[in-house]
Amino acid sequence: MQVKRERLADIFTQLCETDSPSRHEGRVAELLKGILTRLGPAEVVEDDSAAVTGADCGNLIFRFDGSLDQEPIFFSCHMDTVEPARGVKVKRSGDLFTSAGETILGSDDKSGLAACIEMMRVLRENDRPHRPLELVITTCEEIGLVGAKALDPQLIQAREGYALDSSGFAKVITHAPALNRLTITVGGVASHAGLHPEWGINAITVAARALAQCPCGRLDEETTVNFGTIRGGVAANIVPEKVVIEGEVRSHSATRLEEVTQEIRTTFETVIAQWQDPTGSAKGCPGVEMEVYQDFPLMALDRESDLLRRVDQAATAVDLEMSYEKAGGGSDANIFTGHGLPTAIIATGMTNVHSTEEQVELDDMVNLTRLLLALATETSC
């Protein structure tokens, strides 16, 4: 089966030059439906997630029946791109693709989408037997995996799959951390800073004492903490009565994630409990509330699973040597895995993503397509 390089280059360019910033993926969705419907899917599903995500289209699922007596698998990509992403023009220098202007390129994740399209085209024109396949294409990944979170997992018939969404090449992500988002609200008492400062309680200084005692940064090989924003107060002459801190805890250990989250909660509560009024004139006491929201669950795949042994087998078939790594960030794969649909992440060749220096090589997209073809057609796993 021969991957057609220039056809792959053309569809990649067309995808990139069809703007699709998060929540505005509708034009790319229509393009994908037009292309993939002509390749004979058994079913095309667009879900009703737009009501939740605010996007101008839903998530897409394309199901292709297979003639091999093998378990179905899915390939997942996302349609949306980060800003600046309007008016994208692709520049090709030899086999290197970059943005021709002041926008991102869009190889995140249109390199994955292009490879999926070329895979199905090659399978069809060669009439090659393959296992049942699903293409699961989400919206709003770049703004918090919002599309995948809104997707009903019962719509996916395959029980495991591969997300084509990582920088680098010949790389498989097998582990990604869970993440707790924290919103910590420290309450004080407002008063005039010049006339009666002793009547007030400065929420900023109380919060600062707690933050100084909290864990932060890389705590161990598995766990990180960051406090990213702090906002509060209304004017320099008013003792601030409220501070809101946004932070996160990430860990590859579910136990450690909860331990560190609780440590932060306890630290704030202890600082509040130990607060003393220096003059005895304060009109109240400080308080704290901490909200914890799990943004995405842990992804941890068994290296001996069929999911990963299938990658080994496919890579051998196309003469690629894959590396297996842990990631520090989350992706749609975390959401699918959390739903009981184990999902490995396969790198697509994209580099310098989320910047105007983004680029990808045609050779990497060709080899990605060859790997997908092998995953679709190999029969041992």
Protein backbone atom coordinates (compact mmCIF):
# COMPACT_ATOMS: atom_id res chain seq x y z
CA MET A 1 0.00 0.00 0.00
CA GLN A 2 1.54 3.23 -1.17
CA VAL A 3 0.91 6.51 0.64
CA LYS A 4 0.49 9.28 -1.89
CA ARG A 5 2.75 12.03 -0.58
CA GLU A 6 1.41 14.92 -2.62
CA ARG A 7 -2.20 13.99 -1.94
CA LEU A 8 -1.38 13.93 1.78
CA ALA A 9 0.37 17.30 1.48
CA ASP A 10 -2.62 18.76 -0.33
CA ILE A 11 -5.22 17.66 2.20
CA PHE A 12 -3.01 18.81 5.08
CA THR A 13 -2.73 22.24 3.48
CA GLN A 14 -6.47 22.40 2.84
CA LEU A 15 -7.21 21.49 6.45
CA CYS A 16 -4.79 24.08 7.82
CA GLU A 17 -6.16 26.82 5.57
CA THR A 18 -9.69 26.08 6.78
CA ASP A 19 -9.74 28.09 9.99
CA SER A 20 -11.00 26.32 13.10
CA PRO A 21 -10.16 28.15 16.33
CA SER A 22 -11.83 26.61 19.37
CA ARG A 23 -15.62 26.86 19.25
CA HIS A 24 -15.45 27.76 15.52
CA GLU A 25 -14.74 24.33 14.03
CA GLY A 26 -17.82 24.19 11.81
CA ARG A 27 -16.04 24.78 8.49
CA VAL A 28 -13.53 22.02 9.13
CA ALA A 29 -16.33 19.72 10.31
CA GLU A 30 -18.14 20.24 6.99
CA LEU A 31 -14.91 19.65 5.06
CA LEU A 32 -14.28 16.40 6.94
CA LYS A 33 -17.83 15.18 6.43
CA GLY A 34 -17.56 15.87 2.70
CA ILE A 35 -14.25 14.02 2.32
CA LEU A 36 -14.83 11.07 4.63
CA THR A 37 -18.43 10.43 3.60
CA ARG A 38 -17.17 9.74 0.08
CA LEU A 39 -14.97 6.97 1.52
CA GLY A 40 -17.96 4.86 2.49
CA PRO A 41 -18.39 4.95 6.26
CA ALA A 42 -21.08 2.70 7.65
CA GLU A 43 -22.25 5.56 9.86
CA VAL A 44 -21.52 9.22 10.44
CA VAL A 45 -22.46 10.69 13.82
CA GLU A 46 -22.42 14.33 14.85
CA ASP A 47 -23.36 14.56 18.50
CA ASP A 48 -25.26 17.31 20.32
CA SER A 49 -22.27 18.48 22.37
CA ALA A 50 -22.43 21.99 20.88
CA ALA A 51 -25.13 22.82 23.41
CA VAL A 52 -22.56 22.21 26.14
CA THR A 53 -19.33 23.38 24.51
CA GLY A 54 -20.63 26.49 22.75
CA ALA A 55 -18.98 25.31 19.50
CA ASP A 56 -20.66 25.78 16.14
CA CYS A 57 -20.67 22.02 15.51
CA GLY A 58 -20.59 18.79 17.46
CA ASN A 59 -18.03 16.05 17.84
CA LEU A 60 -17.82 13.73 14.82
CA ILE A 61 -17.58 9.94 14.65
CA PHE A 62 -17.02 8.09 11.36
CA ARG A 63 -17.49 4.31 11.53
CA PHE A 64 -15.95 2.06 8.90
CA ASP A 65 -16.88 -1.61 8.83
CA GLY A 66 -13.96 -4.00 8.62
CA SER A 67 -13.59 -7.35 6.89
CA LEU A 68 -10.94 -8.68 9.29
CA ASP A 69 -12.19 -10.64 12.29
CA GLN A 70 -10.44 -8.29 14.69
CA GLU A 71 -11.59 -6.06 17.51
CA PRO A 72 -12.39 -2.50 16.37
CA ILE A 73 -10.09 0.37 17.28
CA PHE A 74 -10.53 4.13 17.07
CA PHE A 75 -8.24 6.95 16.06
CA SER A 76 -8.90 10.29 17.72
CA CYS A 77 -7.96 13.82 16.63
CA HIS A 78 -9.30 17.26 17.47
CA MET A 79 -10.54 19.84 14.99
CA ASP A 80 -9.77 23.03 16.88
CA THR A 81 -6.57 25.08 16.96
CA VAL A 82 -5.17 27.69 19.29
CA GLU A 83 -5.11 31.37 18.35
CA PRO A 84 -3.88 33.20 16.33
CA ALA A 85 -5.67 30.95 13.88
CA ARG A 86 -7.65 33.10 11.44
CA GLY A 87 -6.58 33.53 7.85
CA VAL A 88 -3.98 30.74 8.02
CA LYS A 89 -1.80 30.40 4.93
CA VAL A 90 0.59 27.49 4.62
CA LYS A 91 4.15 27.92 3.41
CA ARG A 92 5.90 24.86 1.99
CA SER A 93 9.68 24.82 1.70
CA GLY A 94 10.63 21.49 0.18
CA ASP A 95 8.83 19.08 2.50
CA LEU A 96 8.67 21.41 5.51
CA PHE A 97 5.35 23.11 6.29
CA THR A 98 5.14 26.34 8.28
CA SER A 99 2.79 29.28 8.53
CA ALA A 100 3.26 31.88 5.81
CA GLY A 101 2.02 34.67 8.07
CA GLU A 102 1.56 35.67 11.70
CA THR A 103 -0.70 32.75 12.60
CA ILE A 104 -0.15 29.26 13.90
CA LEU A 105 0.11 26.55 11.25
CA GLY A 106 -2.48 24.14 12.60
CA SER A 107 -0.48 20.91 12.48
CA ASP A 108 -1.85 20.51 16.02
CA ASP A 109 -3.94 18.54 15.23
CA LYS A 110 -4.48 18.66 11.47
CA SER A 111 -1.41 16.53 10.86
CA GLY A 112 -3.33 13.74 12.59
CA LEU A 113 -6.50 14.45 10.64
CA ALA A 114 -4.63 14.43 7.32
CA ALA A 115 -3.03 11.08 8.15
CA CYS A 116 -6.43 9.56 8.99
CA ILE A 117 -7.89 10.75 5.68
CA GLU A 118 -4.95 9.40 3.68
CA MET A 119 -5.13 6.10 5.57
CA MET A 120 -8.77 5.61 4.58
CA ARG A 121 -8.09 6.65 0.98
CA VAL A 122 -5.26 4.11 0.68
CA LEU A 123 -7.38 1.35 2.23
CA ARG A 124 -10.22 2.04 -0.17
CA GLU A 125 -8.22 2.33 -3.37
CA ASN A 126 -6.31 -0.88 -2.57
CA ASP A 127 -9.46 -2.69 -1.40
CA ARG A 128 -7.37 -3.80 1.55
CA PRO A 129 -9.02 -5.83 4.34
CA HIS A 130 -8.88 -4.02 7.67
CA ARG A 131 -10.30 -4.23 11.16
CA PRO A 132 -13.39 -2.14 12.03
CA LEU A 133 -12.30 1.47 12.50
CA GLU A 134 -13.75 4.59 14.04
CA LEU A 135 -12.48 8.13 13.63
CA VAL A 136 -13.42 10.15 16.71
CA ILE A 137 -12.93 13.85 16.00
CA THR A 138 -13.53 16.31 18.81
CA THR A 139 -14.08 20.03 19.24
CA CYS A 140 -12.65 22.41 21.83
CA GLU A 141 -9.66 20.28 22.90
CA GLU A 142 -7.38 23.29 23.20
CA ILE A 143 -9.57 25.03 25.78
CA GLY A 144 -9.71 22.24 28.31
CA LEU A 145 -10.66 19.02 26.49
CA VAL A 146 -14.19 20.41 26.47
CA GLY A 147 -15.43 18.49 23.43
CA ALA A 148 -14.21 15.12 24.69
CA LYS A 149 -15.75 15.79 28.10
CA ALA A 150 -19.09 16.49 26.43
CA LEU A 151 -18.94 13.38 24.22
CA ASP A 152 -21.13 10.48 25.34
CA PRO A 153 -18.62 7.57 25.52
CA GLN A 154 -21.43 5.16 24.59
CA LEU A 155 -21.26 6.60 21.08
CA ILE A 156 -17.82 5.02 20.63
CA GLN A 157 -18.16 1.34 19.77
CA ALA A 158 -14.44 0.45 19.85
CA ARG A 159 -13.15 -0.30 23.32
CA GLU A 160 -9.66 1.19 22.85
CA GLY A 161 -7.79 3.46 20.52
CA TYR A 162 -5.09 5.98 19.72
CA ALA A 163 -5.08 9.76 19.97
CA LEU A 164 -2.93 11.31 17.24
CA ASP A 165 -1.90 14.40 19.13
CA SER A 166 1.65 14.95 20.36
CA SER A 167 4.75 16.76 19.19
CA GLY A 168 7.81 14.83 18.04
CA PHE A 169 7.71 11.61 16.07
CA ALA A 170 8.02 7.84 16.59
CA LYS A 171 6.82 8.45 20.13
CA VAL A 172 3.95 6.95 22.10
CA ILE A 173 2.63 8.52 25.29
CA THR A 174 1.55 5.79 27.71
CA HIS A 175 1.13 7.81 30.90
CA ALA A 176 -0.31 11.25 31.58
CA PRO A 177 -1.13 12.83 34.94
CA ALA A 178 -4.46 13.54 36.53
CA LEU A 179 -5.09 17.19 37.31
CA ASN A 180 -7.02 18.88 40.11
CA ARG A 181 -7.90 22.52 39.54
CA LEU A 182 -8.06 24.62 42.70
CA THR A 183 -10.01 27.81 43.37
CA ILE A 184 -9.10 29.20 46.78
CA THR A 185 -11.05 32.17 48.12
CA VAL A 186 -9.62 33.95 51.15
CA GLY A 187 -11.96 36.35 52.88
CA GLY A 188 -10.97 39.35 54.96
CA VAL A 189 -12.69 42.53 56.07
CA ALA A 190 -12.71 45.78 54.11
CA SER A 191 -11.92 49.09 55.78
CA HIS A 192 -10.41 52.46 54.93
CA ALA A 193 -6.64 51.99 54.74
CA GLY A 194 -5.90 55.46 56.12
CA LEU A 195 -8.68 56.09 58.63
CA HIS A 196 -9.29 52.70 60.21
CA PRO A 197 -6.89 50.03 58.89
CA GLU A 198 -7.11 48.17 62.22
CA TRP A 199 -10.81 47.50 61.58
CA GLY A 200 -9.95 45.53 58.46
CA ILE A 201 -8.38 42.15 57.72
CA ASN A 202 -6.09 42.17 54.69
CA ALA A 203 -7.03 39.12 52.65
CA ILE A 204 -3.91 39.51 50.51
CA THR A 205 -1.49 39.21 53.43
CA VAL A 206 -3.42 36.28 54.89
CA ALA A 207 -3.32 34.51 51.53
CA ALA A 208 0.37 35.31 51.16
CA ARG A 209 1.18 33.62 54.48
CA ALA A 210 -0.64 30.49 53.37
CA LEU A 211 0.92 30.44 49.90
CA ALA A 212 4.40 30.78 51.40
CA GLN A 213 3.81 27.56 53.34
CA CYS A 214 2.23 25.56 50.51
CA PRO A 215 4.10 23.07 48.32
CA CYS A 216 4.85 24.50 44.90
CA GLY A 217 6.76 23.49 41.78
CA ARG A 218 7.99 19.95 41.14
CA LEU A 219 7.51 17.95 44.31
CA ASP A 220 8.75 14.59 42.98
CA GLU A 221 8.99 12.70 39.70
CA GLU A 222 5.23 12.26 39.61
CA THR A 223 3.78 15.45 41.07
CA THR A 224 3.72 19.20 40.41
CA VAL A 225 1.89 22.15 41.97
CA ASN A 226 1.37 25.62 40.56
CA PHE A 227 -0.50 28.72 41.68
CA GLY A 228 -1.12 30.58 38.45
CA THR A 229 -3.29 33.60 39.20
CA ILE A 230 -4.17 35.73 42.22
CA ARG A 231 -6.67 38.55 42.15
CA GLY A 232 -8.24 40.66 44.86
CA GLY A 233 -8.78 44.10 46.29
CA VAL A 234 -10.41 47.09 44.69
CA ALA A 235 -8.20 50.08 45.50
CA ALA A 236 -4.93 50.97 47.20
CA ASN A 237 -6.77 52.85 49.97
CA ILE A 238 -9.09 49.96 50.88
CA VAL A 239 -8.02 46.98 52.98
CA PRO A 240 -8.84 44.08 50.60
CA GLU A 241 -11.65 41.84 51.77
CA LYS A 242 -11.24 39.02 49.22
CA VAL A 243 -8.54 37.24 47.28
CA VAL A 244 -9.14 34.46 44.73
CA ILE A 245 -6.23 32.16 43.86
CA GLU A 246 -6.31 29.73 40.93
CA GLY A 247 -3.96 26.78 41.07
CA GLU A 248 -3.48 23.19 40.09
CA VAL A 249 -2.04 19.89 41.29
CA ARG A 250 -0.91 17.26 38.77
CA SER A 251 0.31 13.77 39.52
CA HIS A 252 0.83 10.39 37.91
CA SER A 253 -0.27 8.93 41.26
CA ALA A 254 -3.91 9.22 42.25
CA THR A 255 -2.94 8.83 45.90
CA ARG A 256 -0.31 11.54 45.72
CA LEU A 257 -2.72 13.84 43.89
CA GLU A 258 -5.19 13.68 46.75
CA GLU A 259 -2.49 13.91 49.44
CA VAL A 260 -1.05 17.13 48.02
CA THR A 261 -4.48 18.63 47.37
CA GLN A 262 -5.39 17.97 51.00
CA GLU A 263 -2.06 19.39 52.18
CA ILE A 264 -2.86 22.67 50.43
CA ARG A 265 -6.33 22.76 51.94
CA THR A 266 -4.96 22.05 55.41
CA THR A 267 -2.28 24.73 55.05
CA PHE A 268 -4.82 27.44 54.25
CA GLU A 269 -7.18 26.31 56.99
CA THR A 270 -4.36 26.25 59.54
CA VAL A 271 -3.17 29.75 58.65
CA ILE A 272 -6.74 31.03 58.98
CA ALA A 273 -7.23 29.25 62.31
CA GLN A 274 -3.97 30.65 63.69
CA TRP A 275 -4.65 34.23 62.62
CA GLN A 276 -4.48 36.72 65.45
CA ASP A 277 -5.82 40.26 65.52
CA PRO A 278 -2.80 42.46 66.34
CA THR A 279 -4.86 45.33 67.76
CA GLY A 280 -8.07 43.66 68.87
CA SER A 281 -10.07 46.07 66.69
CA ALA A 282 -10.77 43.98 63.61
CA LYS A 283 -14.43 43.78 62.59
CA GLY A 284 -14.48 40.05 62.07
CA CYS A 285 -12.25 37.07 61.28
CA PRO A 286 -10.68 35.76 58.06
CA GLY A 287 -12.11 32.77 56.25
CA VAL A 288 -11.25 30.44 53.39
CA GLU A 289 -13.07 28.27 50.89
CA MET A 290 -11.33 25.86 48.51
CA GLU A 291 -13.06 24.31 45.53
CA VAL A 292 -11.45 21.31 43.86
CA TYR A 293 -12.38 20.21 40.37
CA GLN A 294 -10.77 17.22 38.62
CA ASP A 295 -10.00 18.58 35.17
CA PHE A 296 -8.94 15.23 33.76
CA PRO A 297 -8.26 11.75 35.17
CA LEU A 298 -5.09 9.69 35.17
CA MET A 299 -3.93 7.89 32.05
CA ALA A 300 -1.71 4.89 32.79
CA LEU A 301 -1.43 2.11 30.22
CA ASP A 302 -0.02 -1.38 30.72
CA ARG A 303 3.08 -1.77 28.57
CA GLU A 304 2.11 -5.40 27.95
CA SER A 305 -1.44 -4.61 26.85
CA ASP A 306 -2.72 -5.45 23.38
CA LEU A 307 -3.13 -1.72 22.83
CA LEU A 308 0.62 -1.14 23.01
CA ARG A 309 1.76 -4.51 21.64
CA ARG A 310 -0.27 -3.63 18.56
CA VAL A 311 1.86 -0.48 18.16
CA ASP A 312 5.04 -2.56 18.47
CA GLN A 313 3.81 -4.91 15.79
CA ALA A 314 2.71 -2.11 13.45
CA ALA A 315 5.97 -0.20 13.91
CA THR A 316 7.98 -3.30 13.07
CA ALA A 317 5.89 -3.81 9.93
CA VAL A 318 6.76 -0.32 8.65
CA ASP A 319 10.34 -0.28 9.98
CA LEU A 320 9.87 2.36 12.67
CA GLU A 321 11.43 2.29 16.12
CA MET A 322 9.08 3.79 18.69
CA SER A 323 9.86 5.28 22.09
CA TYR A 324 7.40 5.08 24.98
CA GLU A 325 7.16 8.05 27.33
CA LYS A 326 5.28 9.79 30.12
CA ALA A 327 3.69 13.19 29.49
CA GLY A 328 3.25 16.13 31.82
CA GLY A 329 0.00 17.36 30.30
CA GLY A 330 -3.46 16.06 29.61
CA SER A 331 -5.29 15.38 26.36
CA ASP A 332 -8.47 13.80 25.07
CA ALA A 333 -6.76 10.47 25.76
CA ASN A 334 -7.13 11.12 29.50
CA ILE A 335 -10.87 11.61 29.08
CA PHE A 336 -11.35 8.49 26.96
CA THR A 337 -9.19 6.40 29.27
CA GLY A 338 -11.18 7.70 32.23
CA HIS A 339 -14.33 6.38 30.53
CA GLY A 340 -12.80 2.90 30.35
CA LEU A 341 -11.59 3.30 26.76
CA PRO A 342 -7.78 2.93 27.04
CA THR A 343 -6.16 5.39 24.65
CA ALA A 344 -2.48 5.75 23.78
CA ILE A 345 -1.17 8.98 22.29
CA ILE A 346 0.87 8.75 19.09
CA ALA A 347 3.06 11.70 18.06
CA THR A 348 2.39 13.15 14.61
CA GLY A 349 5.63 14.99 13.86
CA MET A 350 4.41 18.47 14.73
CA THR A 351 6.87 20.74 16.56
CA ASN A 352 6.85 24.24 18.10
CA VAL A 353 3.11 23.88 18.62
CA HIS A 354 1.01 26.69 20.10
CA SER A 355 3.31 29.23 18.47
CA THR A 356 3.72 30.99 15.14
CA GLU A 357 6.91 28.92 14.68
CA GLU A 358 4.90 25.70 14.39
CA GLN A 359 6.06 23.28 11.71
CA VAL A 360 5.82 19.70 10.46
CA GLU A 361 7.69 17.57 7.92
CA LEU A 362 5.88 15.69 5.16
CA ASP A 363 8.03 12.60 5.80
CA ASP A 364 6.72 12.41 9.35
CA MET A 365 3.10 12.60 8.20
CA VAL A 366 3.79 9.94 5.57
CA ASN A 367 5.32 7.62 8.16
CA LEU A 368 2.46 8.32 10.56
CA THR A 369 0.03 7.27 7.83
CA ARG A 370 2.05 4.08 7.21
CA LEU A 371 1.86 3.32 10.94
CA LEU A 372 -1.91 3.85 10.97
CA LEU A 373 -2.30 1.56 7.96
CA ALA A 374 -0.36 -1.14 9.78
CA LEU A 375 -2.49 -0.69 12.91
CA ALA A 376 -5.59 -1.03 10.76
CA THR A 377 -4.48 -4.13 8.86
CA GLU A 378 -2.14 -6.18 11.09
CA THR A 379 -3.89 -9.22 12.55
CA SER A 380 -1.89 -10.58 15.49
CA CYS A 381 -3.36 -8.42 18.27
